[in-house]
Amino acid sequence: MRNIQIDTEVLRKIVQESVQEALKAERFNLYNSLIPMVSDNEMNKIISRLGEKPLPQSTVDYTEWFDNEN
């Protein structure tokens, strides 16, 4: 078996990115398990009561802190 040499900073960055990707995937799975599915009829009732979904510019993404958890 051959030995492969790699800079420790490069290895650290690769591991860090892999862990971040895994955490994002698990967060997505958690959201999917916690947010209930709605039927088309229920969605139409929600829209008639609350209006359409807000434009992306008017919302704030509070999940960015997952990306900067150094």
PDB file of N, CA and C in Angstrom:
ATOM      1  N   MET A   1       0.844  -1.180   0.000  1.00  0.00           N
ATOM      2  CA  MET A   1       0.000   0.000   0.000  1.00  0.00           C
ATOM      3  C   MET A   1       0.884   1.235   0.000  1.00  0.00           C
ATOM      4  N   ARG A   2       0.548   2.197  -0.855  1.00  0.00           N
ATOM      5  CA  ARG A   2       1.328   3.425  -0.952  1.00  0.00           C
ATOM      6  C   ARG A   2       0.907   4.414   0.115  1.00  0.00           C
ATOM      7  N   ASN A   3       1.855   5.182   0.583  1.00  0.00           N
ATOM      8  CA  ASN A   3       1.562   6.277   1.510  1.00  0.00           C
ATOM      9  C   ASN A   3       1.312   7.538   0.702  1.00  0.00           C
ATOM     10  N   ILE A   4       0.278   8.253   1.071  1.00  0.00           N
ATOM     11  CA  ILE A   4      -0.049   9.510   0.403  1.00  0.00           C
ATOM     12  C   ILE A   4       0.186  10.631   1.396  1.00  0.00           C
ATOM     13  N   GLN A   5       0.952  11.616   0.976  1.00  0.00           N
ATOM     14  CA  GLN A   5       1.208  12.757   1.844  1.00  0.00           C
ATOM     15  C   GLN A   5       0.308  13.911   1.431  1.00  0.00           C
ATOM     16  N   ILE A   6      -0.264  14.565   2.428  1.00  0.00           N
ATOM     17  CA  ILE A   6      -1.144  15.700   2.180  1.00  0.00           C
ATOM     18  C   ILE A   6      -0.898  16.733   3.264  1.00  0.00           C
ATOM     19  N   ASP A   7      -0.959  17.975   2.880  1.00  0.00           N
ATOM     20  CA  ASP A   7      -0.775  19.068   3.823  1.00  0.00           C
ATOM     21  C   ASP A   7      -1.889  19.021   4.876  1.00  0.00           C
ATOM     22  N   THR A   8      -1.540  19.255   6.117  1.00  0.00           N
ATOM     23  CA  THR A   8      -2.536  19.161   7.197  1.00  0.00           C
ATOM     24  C   THR A   8      -3.646  20.196   7.036  1.00  0.00           C
ATOM     25  N   GLU A   9      -3.335  21.377   6.502  1.00  0.00           N
ATOM     26  CA  GLU A   9      -4.373  22.397   6.303  1.00  0.00           C
ATOM     27  C   GLU A   9      -5.356  21.960   5.215  1.00  0.00           C
ATOM     28  N   VAL A  10      -4.840  21.341   4.171  1.00  0.00           N
ATOM     29  CA  VAL A  10      -5.712  20.853   3.105  1.00  0.00           C
ATOM     30  C   VAL A  10      -6.612  19.751   3.647  1.00  0.00           C
ATOM     31  N   LEU A  11      -6.047  18.837   4.396  1.00  0.00           N
ATOM     32  CA  LEU A  11      -6.832  17.762   4.996  1.00  0.00           C
ATOM     33  C   LEU A  11      -7.881  18.321   5.950  1.00  0.00           C
ATOM     34  N   ARG A  12      -7.500  19.298   6.751  1.00  0.00           N
ATOM     35  CA  ARG A  12      -8.431  19.928   7.697  1.00  0.00           C
ATOM     36  C   ARG A  12      -9.597  20.571   6.946  1.00  0.00           C
ATOM     37  N   LYS A  13      -9.303  21.259   5.852  1.00  0.00           N
ATOM     38  CA  LYS A  13     -10.341  21.921   5.067  1.00  0.00           C
ATOM     39  C   LYS A  13     -11.293  20.887   4.444  1.00  0.00           C
ATOM     40  N   ILE A  14     -10.733  19.788   3.945  1.00  0.00           N
ATOM     41  CA  ILE A  14     -11.561  18.734   3.349  1.00  0.00           C
ATOM     42  C   ILE A  14     -12.497  18.128   4.393  1.00  0.00           C
ATOM     43  N   VAL A  15     -11.972  17.838   5.563  1.00  0.00           N
ATOM     44  CA  VAL A  15     -12.793  17.256   6.636  1.00  0.00           C
ATOM     45  C   VAL A  15     -13.852  18.252   7.078  1.00  0.00           C
ATOM     46  N   GLN A  16     -13.473  19.516   7.216  1.00  0.00           N
ATOM     47  CA  GLN A  16     -14.416  20.550   7.644  1.00  0.00           C
ATOM     48  C   GLN A  16     -15.573  20.675   6.646  1.00  0.00           C
ATOM     49  N   GLU A  17     -15.259  20.710   5.360  1.00  0.00           N
ATOM     50  CA  GLU A  17     -16.307  20.810   4.345  1.00  0.00           C
ATOM     51  C   GLU A  17     -17.207  19.571   4.346  1.00  0.00           C
ATOM     52  N   SER A  18     -16.623  18.412   4.559  1.00  0.00           N
ATOM     53  CA  SER A  18     -17.412  17.175   4.592  1.00  0.00           C
ATOM     54  C   SER A  18     -18.371  17.168   5.776  1.00  0.00           C
ATOM     55  N   VAL A  19     -17.903  17.618   6.921  1.00  0.00           N
ATOM     56  CA  VAL A  19     -18.751  17.672   8.113  1.00  0.00           C
ATOM     57  C   VAL A  19     -19.871  18.689   7.908  1.00  0.00           C
ATOM     58  N   GLN A  20     -19.557  19.839   7.310  1.00  0.00           N
ATOM     59  CA  GLN A  20     -20.587  20.846   7.057  1.00  0.00           C
ATOM     60  C   GLN A  20     -21.662  20.307   6.109  1.00  0.00           C
ATOM     61  N   GLU A  21     -21.246  19.589   5.065  1.00  0.00           N
ATOM     62  CA  GLU A  21     -22.215  18.991   4.146  1.00  0.00           C
ATOM     63  C   GLU A  21     -23.101  17.971   4.858  1.00  0.00           C
ATOM     64  N   ALA A  22     -22.502  17.176   5.725  1.00  0.00           N
ATOM     65  CA  ALA A  22     -23.276  16.172   6.466  1.00  0.00           C
ATOM     66  C   ALA A  22     -24.269  16.846   7.413  1.00  0.00           C
ATOM     67  N   LEU A  23     -23.849  17.919   8.072  1.00  0.00           N
ATOM     68  CA  LEU A  23     -24.750  18.641   8.977  1.00  0.00           C
ATOM     69  C   LEU A  23     -25.907  19.270   8.215  1.00  0.00           C
ATOM     70  N   LYS A  24     -25.629  19.826   7.041  1.00  0.00           N
ATOM     71  CA  LYS A  24     -26.700  20.405   6.234  1.00  0.00           C
ATOM     72  C   LYS A  24     -27.705  19.331   5.816  1.00  0.00           C
ATOM     73  N   ALA A  25     -27.201  18.171   5.419  1.00  0.00           N
ATOM     74  CA  ALA A  25     -28.093  17.077   5.021  1.00  0.00           C
ATOM     75  C   ALA A  25     -28.946  16.623   6.195  1.00  0.00           C
ATOM     76  N   GLU A  26     -28.351  16.509   7.366  1.00  0.00           N
ATOM     77  CA  GLU A  26     -29.118  16.096   8.549  1.00  0.00           C
ATOM     78  C   GLU A  26     -30.128  17.161   8.956  1.00  0.00           C
ATOM     79  N   ARG A  27     -29.761  18.439   8.815  1.00  0.00           N
ATOM     80  CA  ARG A  27     -30.701  19.523   9.127  1.00  0.00           C
ATOM     81  C   ARG A  27     -31.888  19.457   8.184  1.00  0.00           C
ATOM     82  N   PHE A  28     -31.629  19.194   6.906  1.00  0.00           N
ATOM     83  CA  PHE A  28     -32.698  19.059   5.924  1.00  0.00           C
ATOM     84  C   PHE A  28     -33.626  17.903   6.297  1.00  0.00           C
ATOM     85  N   ASN A  29     -33.046  16.782   6.697  1.00  0.00           N
ATOM     86  CA  ASN A  29     -33.854  15.631   7.116  1.00  0.00           C
ATOM     87  C   ASN A  29     -34.686  15.962   8.353  1.00  0.00           C
ATOM     88  N   LEU A  30     -34.114  16.722   9.280  1.00  0.00           N
ATOM     89  CA  LEU A  30     -34.854  17.128  10.472  1.00  0.00           C
ATOM     90  C   LEU A  30     -36.026  18.023  10.099  1.00  0.00           C
ATOM     91  N   TYR A  31     -35.782  19.008   9.228  1.00  0.00           N
ATOM     92  CA  TYR A  31     -36.874  19.878   8.788  1.00  0.00           C
ATOM     93  C   TYR A  31     -37.990  19.064   8.140  1.00  0.00           C
ATOM     94  N   ASN A  32     -37.612  18.122   7.286  1.00  0.00           N
ATOM     95  CA  ASN A  32     -38.628  17.302   6.617  1.00  0.00           C
ATOM     96  C   ASN A  32     -39.441  16.475   7.599  1.00  0.00           C
ATOM     97  N   SER A  33     -38.808  16.029   8.679  1.00  0.00           N
ATOM     98  CA  SER A  33     -39.545  15.211   9.646  1.00  0.00           C
ATOM     99  C   SER A  33     -40.416  16.054  10.575  1.00  0.00           C
ATOM    100  N   LEU A  34     -40.083  17.329  10.756  1.00  0.00           N
ATOM    101  CA  LEU A  34     -40.837  18.182  11.676  1.00  0.00           C
ATOM    102  C   LEU A  34     -41.955  18.982  11.010  1.00  0.00           C
ATOM    103  N   ILE A  35     -41.788  19.301   9.742  1.00  0.00           N
ATOM    104  CA  ILE A  35     -42.774  20.116   9.042  1.00  0.00           C
ATOM    105  C   ILE A  35     -43.815  19.190   8.422  1.00  0.00           C
ATOM    106  N   PRO A  36     -45.062  19.330   8.823  1.00  0.00           N
ATOM    107  CA  PRO A  36     -46.089  18.420   8.304  1.00  0.00           C
ATOM    108  C   PRO A  36     -46.417  18.723   6.840  1.00  0.00           C
ATOM    109  N   MET A  37     -46.807  17.692   6.116  1.00  0.00           N
ATOM    110  CA  MET A  37     -47.249  17.848   4.727  1.00  0.00           C
ATOM    111  C   MET A  37     -48.685  18.371   4.745  1.00  0.00           C
ATOM    112  N   VAL A  38     -49.023  19.181   3.748  1.00  0.00           N
ATOM    113  CA  VAL A  38     -50.395  19.687   3.640  1.00  0.00           C
ATOM    114  C   VAL A  38     -50.949  19.292   2.274  1.00  0.00           C
ATOM    115  N   SER A  39     -52.243  19.068   2.239  1.00  0.00           N
ATOM    116  CA  SER A  39     -52.900  18.744   0.976  1.00  0.00           C
ATOM    117  C   SER A  39     -53.095  20.032   0.171  1.00  0.00           C
ATOM    118  N   ASP A  40     -53.453  19.878  -1.094  1.00  0.00           N
ATOM    119  CA  ASP A  40     -53.707  21.050  -1.938  1.00  0.00           C
ATOM    120  C   ASP A  40     -54.856  21.871  -1.375  1.00  0.00           C
ATOM    121  N   ASN A  41     -55.868  21.185  -0.834  1.00  0.00           N
ATOM    122  CA  ASN A  41     -57.011  21.878  -0.250  1.00  0.00           C
ATOM    123  C   ASN A  41     -56.581  22.713   0.963  1.00  0.00           C
ATOM    124  N   GLU A  42     -55.772  22.110   1.834  1.00  0.00           N
ATOM    125  CA  GLU A  42     -55.276  22.845   2.998  1.00  0.00           C
ATOM    126  C   GLU A  42     -54.409  24.031   2.580  1.00  0.00           C
ATOM    127  N   MET A  43     -53.560  23.830   1.564  1.00  0.00           N
ATOM    128  CA  MET A  43     -52.694  24.904   1.094  1.00  0.00           C
ATOM    129  C   MET A  43     -53.512  26.049   0.523  1.00  0.00           C
ATOM    130  N   ASN A  44     -54.577  25.739  -0.197  1.00  0.00           N
ATOM    131  CA  ASN A  44     -55.448  26.788  -0.736  1.00  0.00           C
ATOM    132  C   ASN A  44     -56.121  27.566   0.385  1.00  0.00           C
ATOM    133  N   LYS A  45     -56.532  26.882   1.447  1.00  0.00           N
ATOM    134  CA  LYS A  45     -57.128  27.575   2.597  1.00  0.00           C
ATOM    135  C   LYS A  45     -56.111  28.499   3.267  1.00  0.00           C
ATOM    136  N   ILE A  46     -54.882  28.029   3.403  1.00  0.00           N
ATOM    137  CA  ILE A  46     -53.823  28.850   4.010  1.00  0.00           C
ATOM    138  C   ILE A  46     -53.571  30.094   3.165  1.00  0.00           C
ATOM    139  N   ILE A  47     -53.485  29.911   1.850  1.00  0.00           N
ATOM    140  CA  ILE A  47     -53.228  31.044   0.952  1.00  0.00           C
ATOM    141  C   ILE A  47     -54.388  32.026   0.985  1.00  0.00           C
ATOM    142  N   SER A  48     -55.632  31.527   1.022  1.00  0.00           N
ATOM    143  CA  SER A  48     -56.783  32.435   1.055  1.00  0.00           C
ATOM    144  C   SER A  48     -56.833  33.214   2.366  1.00  0.00           C
ATOM    145  N   ARG A  49     -56.361  32.623   3.433  1.00  0.00           N
ATOM    146  CA  ARG A  49     -56.382  33.296   4.731  1.00  0.00           C
ATOM    147  C   ARG A  49     -55.195  34.241   4.922  1.00  0.00           C
ATOM    148  N   LEU A  50     -53.999  33.799   4.512  1.00  0.00           N
ATOM    149  CA  LEU A  50     -52.788  34.567   4.782  1.00  0.00           C
ATOM    150  C   LEU A  50     -52.174  35.248   3.562  1.00  0.00           C
ATOM    151  N   GLY A  51     -52.646  34.901   2.386  1.00  0.00           N
ATOM    152  CA  GLY A  51     -52.063  35.463   1.166  1.00  0.00           C
ATOM    153  C   GLY A  51     -50.938  34.583   0.646  1.00  0.00           C
ATOM    154  N   GLU A  52     -50.381  35.004  -0.478  1.00  0.00           N
ATOM    155  CA  GLU A  52     -49.305  34.252  -1.107  1.00  0.00           C
ATOM    156  C   GLU A  52     -48.026  34.317  -0.275  1.00  0.00           C
ATOM    157  N   LYS A  53     -47.125  33.433  -0.605  1.00  0.00           N
ATOM    158  CA  LYS A  53     -45.827  33.377   0.052  1.00  0.00           C
ATOM    159  C   LYS A  53     -45.089  34.698  -0.201  1.00  0.00           C
ATOM    160  N   PRO A  54     -44.386  35.263   0.826  1.00  0.00           N
ATOM    161  CA  PRO A  54     -43.677  36.528   0.615  1.00  0.00           C
ATOM    162  C   PRO A  54     -42.524  36.360  -0.376  1.00  0.00           C
ATOM    163  N   LEU A  55     -42.139  37.461  -0.982  1.00  0.00           N
ATOM    164  CA  LEU A  55     -41.014  37.425  -1.916  1.00  0.00           C
ATOM    165  C   LEU A  55     -39.731  37.084  -1.170  1.00  0.00           C
ATOM    166  N   PRO A  56     -38.795  36.418  -1.828  1.00  0.00           N
ATOM    167  CA  PRO A  56     -37.542  36.024  -1.150  1.00  0.00           C
ATOM    168  C   PRO A  56     -36.778  37.191  -0.522  1.00  0.00           C
ATOM    169  N   GLN A  57     -36.840  38.384  -1.107  1.00  0.00           N
ATOM    170  CA  GLN A  57     -36.129  39.524  -0.546  1.00  0.00           C
ATOM    171  C   GLN A  57     -36.694  39.964   0.811  1.00  0.00           C
ATOM    172  N   SER A  58     -37.975  39.682   1.037  1.00  0.00           N
ATOM    173  CA  SER A  58     -38.603  40.159   2.261  1.00  0.00           C
ATOM    174  C   SER A  58     -38.476  39.168   3.423  1.00  0.00           C
ATOM    175  N   THR A  59     -37.805  38.044   3.199  1.00  0.00           N
ATOM    176  CA  THR A  59     -37.615  37.079   4.271  1.00  0.00           C
ATOM    177  C   THR A  59     -36.166  37.078   4.737  1.00  0.00           C
ATOM    178  N   VAL A  60     -35.940  36.623   5.937  1.00  0.00           N
ATOM    179  CA  VAL A  60     -34.596  36.558   6.502  1.00  0.00           C
ATOM    180  C   VAL A  60     -34.262  35.093   6.755  1.00  0.00           C
ATOM    181  N   ASP A  61     -33.082  34.663   6.299  1.00  0.00           N
ATOM    182  CA  ASP A  61     -32.646  33.288   6.498  1.00  0.00           C
ATOM    183  C   ASP A  61     -31.863  33.201   7.801  1.00  0.00           C
ATOM    184  N   TYR A  62     -32.491  32.662   8.837  1.00  0.00           N
ATOM    185  CA  TYR A  62     -31.840  32.550  10.135  1.00  0.00           C
ATOM    186  C   TYR A  62     -31.012  31.270  10.270  1.00  0.00           C
ATOM    187  N   THR A  63     -30.923  30.492   9.197  1.00  0.00           N
ATOM    188  CA  THR A  63     -30.144  29.258   9.263  1.00  0.00           C
ATOM    189  C   THR A  63     -28.705  29.452   8.824  1.00  0.00           C
ATOM    190  N   GLU A  64     -28.304  30.690   8.472  1.00  0.00           N
ATOM    191  CA  GLU A  64     -26.933  30.954   8.031  1.00  0.00           C
ATOM    192  C   GLU A  64     -25.909  30.627   9.106  1.00  0.00           C
ATOM    193  N   TRP A  65     -26.297  30.656  10.359  1.00  0.00           N
ATOM    194  CA  TRP A  65     -25.328  30.412  11.420  1.00  0.00           C
ATOM    195  C   TRP A  65     -24.782  28.992  11.358  1.00  0.00           C
ATOM    196  N   PHE A  66     -25.498  28.067  10.687  1.00  0.00           N
ATOM    197  CA  PHE A  66     -24.960  26.717  10.497  1.00  0.00           C
ATOM    198  C   PHE A  66     -23.723  26.741   9.630  1.00  0.00           C
ATOM    199  N   ASP A  67     -23.674  27.691   8.680  1.00  0.00           N
ATOM    200  CA  ASP A  67     -22.532  27.769   7.782  1.00  0.00           C
ATOM    201  C   ASP A  67     -21.293  28.327   8.458  1.00  0.00           C
ATOM    202  N   ASN A  68     -21.454  29.107   9.516  1.00  0.00           N
ATOM    203  CA  ASN A  68     -20.322  29.784  10.168  1.00  0.00           C
ATOM    204  C   ASN A  68     -20.122  29.309  11.592  1.00  0.00           C
ATOM    205  N   GLU A  69     -20.089  28.008  11.791  1.00  0.00           N
ATOM    206  CA  GLU A  69     -19.976  27.482  13.141  1.00  0.00           C
ATOM    207  C   GLU A  69     -18.540  27.114  13.501  1.00  0.00           C
ATOM    208  N   ASN A  70     -17.600  27.949  13.115  1.00  0.00           N
ATOM    209  CA  ASN A  70     -16.182  27.683  13.406  1.00  0.00           C
ATOM    210  C   ASN A  70     -15.907  27.792  14.863  1.00  0.00           C
TER     211      ASN A  70
END
